[in-house]
């Protein structure tokens, strides 16, 4: 018998039981006699039967599968979030389909619609690059969707984030009170988190009676190779410290300063975000806004399980606490 075509009917026939009994064994239902369970399990093993999630879904209207759209499988930041999602998914017996969008909006729309076509029960979208077209697509679908890590100020959207505005204001204020001239490096232009970070930066300047100057902002449509370009712009403005939205860019700018013989943090200080492993691998180590990455993923998955099961949800936009961790790049 071709194992690719083996169905629940084949197992039931070989074991001499009903398909309902096979289903109960597969799903761990306790209402099966031990002798029958063993007989069915032996046949399942011998035939190498693997239950088909989509086929099960025809009866239950559920596939017990969740789609996770991740911007980049090589980015450590997103990997930590995905781990939190996966652990909670396993706890609630959901399978995960991981889809990589390559930090590209068009591809993100494509993989989102591909997951919907696969009849997943729910979708988690990780990341900051949240184009309005994607948000509109999410609002059109009846499939539950949760955004993890991205700021979307829309009451119809489910999300789990930190207060990026407050965190940026706290860091900027900390550096200003040390008599530093502070610059801000935001993410790529399409990142929705940019606006709230910029608001936090402006709030800190206003609280310290410092006039805002557009030249204090660098929009990081750069790569890690552009550390010198970013640094040149800030040094021309007399900036001697920066708040950065990405650890990789923060490391690149700090390395550019060190390569020029500048002392870090005495002559140039760097305060980054995310607190990925990169922050501890560079020397000096990066001070960071610490996001509870694992918790963001875990809470997003738990919120999604509630939505998929139509449970009561107290809060659709969850804001988790953050911390400021100072290391050698500012101390």
Protein backbone atom coordinates (compact mmCIF):
# COMPACT_ATOMS: atom_id res chain seq x y z
CA UNK A 1 0.00 0.00 0.00
CA UNK A 2 1.37 3.43 -0.96
CA UNK A 3 1.91 5.30 2.31
CA UNK A 4 1.21 8.59 0.53
CA UNK A 5 -2.40 7.49 -0.05
CA UNK A 6 -3.08 5.95 3.35
CA UNK A 7 -6.21 7.37 4.91
CA UNK A 8 -8.09 7.00 8.18
CA UNK A 9 -10.35 4.56 6.34
CA UNK A 10 -7.37 2.26 5.63
CA UNK A 11 -6.34 2.27 9.29
CA UNK A 12 -9.90 1.54 10.42
CA UNK A 13 -10.23 -1.36 7.97
CA UNK A 14 -6.88 -2.91 8.93
CA UNK A 15 -7.61 -2.57 12.65
CA UNK A 16 -11.20 -3.76 12.32
CA UNK A 17 -12.62 -0.69 14.05
CA UNK A 18 -14.67 2.34 13.04
CA UNK A 19 -13.12 5.51 11.68
CA UNK A 20 -14.47 7.30 14.76
CA UNK A 21 -12.39 5.00 16.96
CA UNK A 22 -9.25 5.73 14.94
CA UNK A 23 -9.98 9.44 15.25
CA UNK A 24 -10.31 9.12 19.04
CA UNK A 25 -6.96 7.32 19.24
CA UNK A 26 -5.22 9.89 17.05
CA UNK A 27 -6.60 12.79 19.09
CA UNK A 28 -5.77 11.22 22.46
CA UNK A 29 -9.38 10.76 23.54
CA UNK A 30 -9.39 8.71 26.80
CA UNK A 31 -12.66 6.95 25.91
CA UNK A 32 -10.94 4.06 24.13
CA UNK A 33 -10.21 0.64 25.67
CA UNK A 34 -6.44 0.07 26.17
CA UNK A 35 -6.51 -3.08 24.02
CA UNK A 36 -8.26 -1.24 21.18
CA UNK A 37 -5.90 1.73 21.50
CA UNK A 38 -2.89 -0.57 21.20
CA UNK A 39 -4.36 -2.40 18.19
CA UNK A 40 -5.06 0.87 16.36
CA UNK A 41 -1.69 2.35 17.33
CA UNK A 42 0.11 -0.73 15.97
CA UNK A 43 -1.68 -0.38 12.63
CA UNK A 44 -0.91 3.36 12.50
CA UNK A 45 2.77 2.61 13.06
CA UNK A 46 2.87 -0.26 10.56
CA UNK A 47 1.13 1.74 7.83
CA UNK A 48 3.01 4.95 8.76
CA UNK A 49 -0.28 6.82 8.75
CA UNK A 50 -0.03 10.58 9.23
CA UNK A 51 -3.29 12.47 9.92
CA UNK A 52 -4.02 15.15 7.37
CA UNK A 53 -4.78 18.47 9.05
CA UNK A 54 -6.80 19.77 6.13
CA UNK A 55 -8.84 16.57 5.94
CA UNK A 56 -9.56 16.79 9.67
CA UNK A 57 -10.59 20.37 9.12
CA UNK A 58 -13.35 19.33 6.72
CA UNK A 59 -15.17 17.82 9.67
CA UNK A 60 -14.15 20.19 12.45
CA UNK A 61 -13.82 23.33 10.32
CA UNK A 62 -10.39 23.72 11.95
CA UNK A 63 -6.93 22.75 10.73
CA UNK A 64 -5.21 23.29 14.12
CA UNK A 65 -2.59 25.15 12.11
CA UNK A 66 -1.34 28.71 12.60
CA UNK A 67 0.57 30.73 10.05
CA UNK A 68 3.46 32.93 11.22
CA UNK A 69 4.80 35.60 8.86
CA UNK A 70 8.39 36.42 9.78
CA UNK A 71 10.28 39.28 8.08
CA UNK A 72 13.64 37.49 7.98
CA UNK A 73 14.69 34.02 9.11
CA UNK A 74 18.26 35.32 9.56
CA UNK A 75 17.32 38.10 12.00
CA UNK A 76 17.98 37.09 15.61
CA UNK A 77 15.37 39.56 16.87
CA UNK A 78 12.55 37.79 15.04
CA UNK A 79 13.85 34.33 15.94
CA UNK A 80 13.37 35.07 19.65
CA UNK A 81 9.78 36.16 19.02
CA UNK A 82 9.10 33.03 16.99
CA UNK A 83 10.32 30.83 19.85
CA UNK A 84 7.71 32.30 22.19
CA UNK A 85 5.01 31.70 19.58
CA UNK A 86 6.08 28.11 19.00
CA UNK A 87 6.15 27.17 22.69
CA UNK A 88 2.60 28.37 23.31
CA UNK A 89 1.40 26.86 20.04
CA UNK A 90 2.76 23.48 21.16
CA UNK A 91 1.05 23.86 24.53
CA UNK A 92 -2.30 24.36 22.80
CA UNK A 93 -1.53 21.69 20.16
CA UNK A 94 -1.35 23.97 17.17
CA UNK A 95 1.03 23.35 14.29
CA UNK A 96 3.04 26.23 12.87
CA UNK A 97 3.57 27.17 9.23
CA UNK A 98 6.47 29.64 9.08
CA UNK A 99 6.49 31.99 6.08
CA UNK A 100 9.44 34.28 5.33
CA UNK A 101 8.62 37.67 3.76
CA UNK A 102 12.23 38.85 3.21
CA UNK A 103 11.40 42.28 4.72
CA UNK A 104 9.41 42.95 1.53
CA UNK A 105 5.87 44.35 1.61
CA UNK A 106 4.77 42.77 -1.66
CA UNK A 107 6.01 39.36 -0.57
CA UNK A 108 4.39 39.82 2.83
CA UNK A 109 1.02 40.38 1.14
CA UNK A 110 1.62 37.31 -1.00
CA UNK A 111 2.52 34.97 1.86
CA UNK A 112 -0.36 36.33 3.96
CA UNK A 113 -2.85 35.43 1.23
CA UNK A 114 -1.14 32.06 0.68
CA UNK A 115 -1.64 31.23 4.35
CA UNK A 116 -5.30 32.19 4.10
CA UNK A 117 -5.61 29.90 1.08
CA UNK A 118 -4.11 27.09 3.19
CA UNK A 119 -7.06 27.52 5.56
CA UNK A 120 -4.97 28.21 8.65
CA UNK A 121 -7.01 28.90 11.78
CA UNK A 122 -5.10 32.09 12.56
CA UNK A 123 -2.07 34.17 11.59
CA UNK A 124 0.62 36.03 13.53
CA UNK A 125 2.53 38.74 11.67
CA UNK A 126 5.90 39.60 13.21
CA UNK A 127 7.80 42.82 12.63
CA UNK A 128 7.81 46.59 12.21
CA UNK A 129 7.39 46.90 8.44
CA UNK A 130 3.60 47.03 8.43
CA UNK A 131 2.36 48.64 5.24
CA UNK A 132 -1.20 50.02 5.32
CA UNK A 133 -2.15 47.69 2.47
CA UNK A 134 -1.36 44.72 4.70
CA UNK A 135 -3.41 46.21 7.54
CA UNK A 136 -6.33 46.66 5.13
CA UNK A 137 -6.03 43.02 4.01
CA UNK A 138 -6.10 41.89 7.63
CA UNK A 139 -9.24 43.91 8.32
CA UNK A 140 -10.98 42.29 5.36
CA UNK A 141 -10.40 38.69 6.41
CA UNK A 142 -12.49 36.71 8.89
CA UNK A 143 -9.40 34.73 9.99
CA UNK A 144 -8.03 35.94 13.36
CA UNK A 145 -4.74 37.86 13.02
CA UNK A 146 -2.37 39.23 15.67
CA UNK A 147 0.57 41.56 15.04
CA UNK A 148 3.63 40.92 17.23
CA UNK A 149 6.11 43.73 17.80
CA UNK A 150 4.63 46.29 15.41
CA UNK A 151 2.76 49.44 16.40
CA UNK A 152 -0.63 49.90 14.73
CA UNK A 153 -2.92 52.54 16.17
CA UNK A 154 -6.16 50.99 14.96
CA UNK A 155 -8.75 49.67 17.44
CA UNK A 156 -9.74 46.89 15.04
CA UNK A 157 -6.23 45.40 15.03
CA UNK A 158 -4.94 42.86 17.56
CA UNK A 159 -1.35 43.44 18.64
CA UNK A 160 1.30 42.82 21.29
CA UNK A 161 4.01 45.49 21.65
CA UNK A 162 5.94 47.64 24.10
CA UNK A 163 5.47 51.40 24.52
CA UNK A 164 8.12 52.46 21.97
CA UNK A 165 7.32 56.13 22.46
CA UNK A 166 7.85 55.99 26.21
CA UNK A 167 11.01 53.88 25.88
CA UNK A 168 12.58 56.27 23.36
CA UNK A 169 11.68 59.27 25.52
CA UNK A 170 13.27 57.64 28.58
CA UNK A 171 16.53 56.86 26.79
CA UNK A 172 16.78 60.29 25.15
CA UNK A 173 16.09 62.01 28.46
CA UNK A 174 18.75 59.90 30.19
CA UNK A 175 21.40 60.97 27.65
CA UNK A 176 20.31 64.62 27.61
CA UNK A 177 20.65 64.82 31.37
CA UNK A 178 24.29 63.78 30.91
CA UNK A 179 24.78 66.89 28.77
CA UNK A 180 24.90 64.91 25.55
CA UNK A 181 23.71 66.13 22.16
CA UNK A 182 21.48 63.30 21.05
CA UNK A 183 20.54 62.01 17.61
CA UNK A 184 17.94 59.42 16.67
CA UNK A 185 18.32 56.63 14.09
CA UNK A 186 14.92 55.24 13.12
CA UNK A 187 14.13 52.20 11.03
CA UNK A 188 13.49 52.15 7.26
CA UNK A 189 10.98 54.75 6.06
CA UNK A 190 8.03 52.35 5.81
CA UNK A 191 8.28 51.16 9.42
CA UNK A 192 5.15 52.15 11.36
CA UNK A 193 7.14 52.23 14.61
CA UNK A 194 9.14 55.23 13.39
CA UNK A 195 6.47 57.79 14.22
CA UNK A 196 6.09 56.74 17.85
CA UNK A 197 9.87 56.64 18.34
CA UNK A 198 10.15 60.12 16.85
CA UNK A 199 7.38 61.37 19.15
CA UNK A 200 9.26 60.01 22.16
CA UNK A 201 12.45 61.71 20.99
CA UNK A 202 10.68 65.05 20.50
CA UNK A 203 8.98 64.77 23.90
CA UNK A 204 12.36 64.34 25.60
CA UNK A 205 13.81 67.35 23.76
CA UNK A 206 10.82 69.50 24.72
CA UNK A 207 11.00 68.41 28.36
CA UNK A 208 14.65 69.48 28.41
CA UNK A 209 13.88 72.77 26.58
CA UNK A 210 15.86 71.82 23.49
CA UNK A 211 14.66 72.85 20.05
CA UNK A 212 14.02 70.04 17.59
CA UNK A 213 16.20 69.92 14.50
CA UNK A 214 15.53 67.61 11.55
CA UNK A 215 19.27 67.01 11.22
CA UNK A 216 19.15 65.14 14.52
CA UNK A 217 17.26 62.34 12.76
CA UNK A 218 18.72 59.66 10.48
CA UNK A 219 16.28 57.45 8.62
CA UNK A 220 18.01 54.08 8.50
CA UNK A 221 17.22 53.01 4.96
CA UNK A 222 20.85 52.03 5.26
CA UNK A 223 22.54 48.68 5.74
CA UNK A 224 25.17 47.71 8.27
CA UNK A 225 27.79 48.83 5.72
CA UNK A 226 26.71 52.46 6.03
CA UNK A 227 27.93 53.13 9.56
CA UNK A 228 30.41 55.76 8.37
CA UNK A 229 27.78 57.59 6.30
CA UNK A 230 25.40 57.79 9.26
CA UNK A 231 28.19 58.88 11.62
CA UNK A 232 29.37 61.64 9.26
CA UNK A 233 25.93 63.24 9.26
CA UNK A 234 25.71 63.28 13.04
CA UNK A 235 29.24 64.53 13.67
CA UNK A 236 28.57 67.44 11.31
CA UNK A 237 25.76 68.45 13.70
CA UNK A 238 27.88 68.06 16.82
CA UNK A 239 25.93 64.97 17.93
CA UNK A 240 27.87 62.90 20.45
CA UNK A 241 25.31 60.20 21.28
CA UNK A 242 22.62 58.31 19.39
CA UNK A 243 19.47 56.35 20.14
CA UNK A 244 19.11 53.57 17.56
CA UNK A 245 16.14 51.39 16.60
CA UNK A 246 18.17 48.35 15.45
CA UNK A 247 21.12 46.59 17.09
CA UNK A 248 22.88 45.90 13.79
CA UNK A 249 22.86 49.59 12.80
CA UNK A 250 23.90 50.58 16.32
CA UNK A 251 26.89 48.22 16.14
CA UNK A 252 27.84 49.56 12.69
CA UNK A 253 27.78 53.19 13.85
CA UNK A 254 29.73 52.38 17.02
CA UNK A 255 32.34 50.47 15.01
CA UNK A 256 32.66 53.43 12.63
CA UNK A 257 33.38 55.71 15.60
CA UNK A 258 35.92 53.27 17.05
CA UNK A 259 37.64 52.91 13.66
CA UNK A 260 38.22 56.67 13.70
CA UNK A 261 39.91 56.42 17.09
CA UNK A 262 36.96 57.90 18.99
CA UNK A 263 36.49 56.70 22.55
CA UNK A 264 33.15 55.03 23.30
CA UNK A 265 31.30 56.17 25.34
CA UNK A 266 33.43 59.15 26.36
CA UNK A 267 33.39 60.84 22.95
CA UNK A 268 30.46 59.05 21.34
CA UNK A 269 27.72 57.08 23.12
CA UNK A 270 25.30 54.58 21.60
CA UNK A 271 21.99 53.38 23.07
CA UNK A 272 20.27 50.72 20.98
CA UNK A 273 17.01 48.75 21.02
CA UNK A 274 15.92 45.10 20.98
CA UNK A 275 18.82 43.76 23.10
CA UNK A 276 19.58 40.91 20.71
CA UNK A 277 22.68 38.72 21.13
CA UNK A 278 24.55 41.24 18.96
CA UNK A 279 24.40 43.75 21.82
CA UNK A 280 26.51 41.47 24.03
CA UNK A 281 28.88 40.24 21.31
CA UNK A 282 30.28 43.66 20.32
CA UNK A 283 32.86 45.54 22.37
CA UNK A 284 32.04 47.64 24.18
CA UNK A 285 28.69 45.98 24.72
CA UNK A 286 25.64 47.95 23.65
CA UNK A 287 23.26 49.62 26.07
CA UNK A 288 19.74 48.67 24.99
CA UNK A 289 16.03 49.06 25.38
CA UNK A 290 15.16 45.49 26.28
CA UNK A 291 12.02 44.17 24.67
CA UNK A 292 10.56 41.04 26.25
CA UNK A 293 10.92 39.25 22.90
CA UNK A 294 9.92 35.78 24.03
CA UNK A 295 6.97 37.19 25.97
CA UNK A 296 5.75 39.22 22.98
CA UNK A 297 5.66 36.03 20.93
CA UNK A 298 4.07 33.96 23.68
CA UNK A 299 1.40 36.54 24.52
CA UNK A 300 0.62 37.04 20.82
CA UNK A 301 0.05 33.30 20.41
CA UNK A 302 -2.10 33.11 23.53
CA UNK A 303 -4.19 36.04 22.31
CA UNK A 304 -4.59 34.29 18.97
CA UNK A 305 -5.79 31.06 20.63
CA UNK A 306 -8.50 33.06 22.40
CA UNK A 307 -9.59 34.71 19.17
CA UNK A 308 -9.60 31.39 17.28
CA UNK A 309 -11.69 29.75 19.97
CA UNK A 310 -13.98 32.78 20.26
CA UNK A 311 -13.12 33.23 23.93
CA UNK A 312 -13.66 36.54 25.68
CA UNK A 313 -10.70 38.90 25.17
CA UNK A 314 -10.15 41.67 27.70
CA UNK A 315 -7.47 43.51 25.74
CA UNK A 316 -6.86 43.35 21.99
CA UNK A 317 -3.83 45.66 22.02
CA UNK A 318 -1.47 44.43 24.70
CA UNK A 319 1.43 46.63 25.82
CA UNK A 320 4.17 44.76 27.70
CA UNK A 321 6.76 46.37 30.00
CA UNK A 322 10.29 47.18 28.80
CA UNK A 323 13.59 47.79 30.59
CA UNK A 324 16.65 49.95 30.01
CA UNK A 325 19.92 48.04 30.21
CA UNK A 326 23.09 50.10 30.33
CA UNK A 327 26.38 48.61 29.22
CA UNK A 328 29.73 49.85 27.95
CA UNK A 329 28.45 51.92 25.03
CA UNK A 330 27.00 54.53 27.44
CA UNK A 331 28.66 53.85 30.80
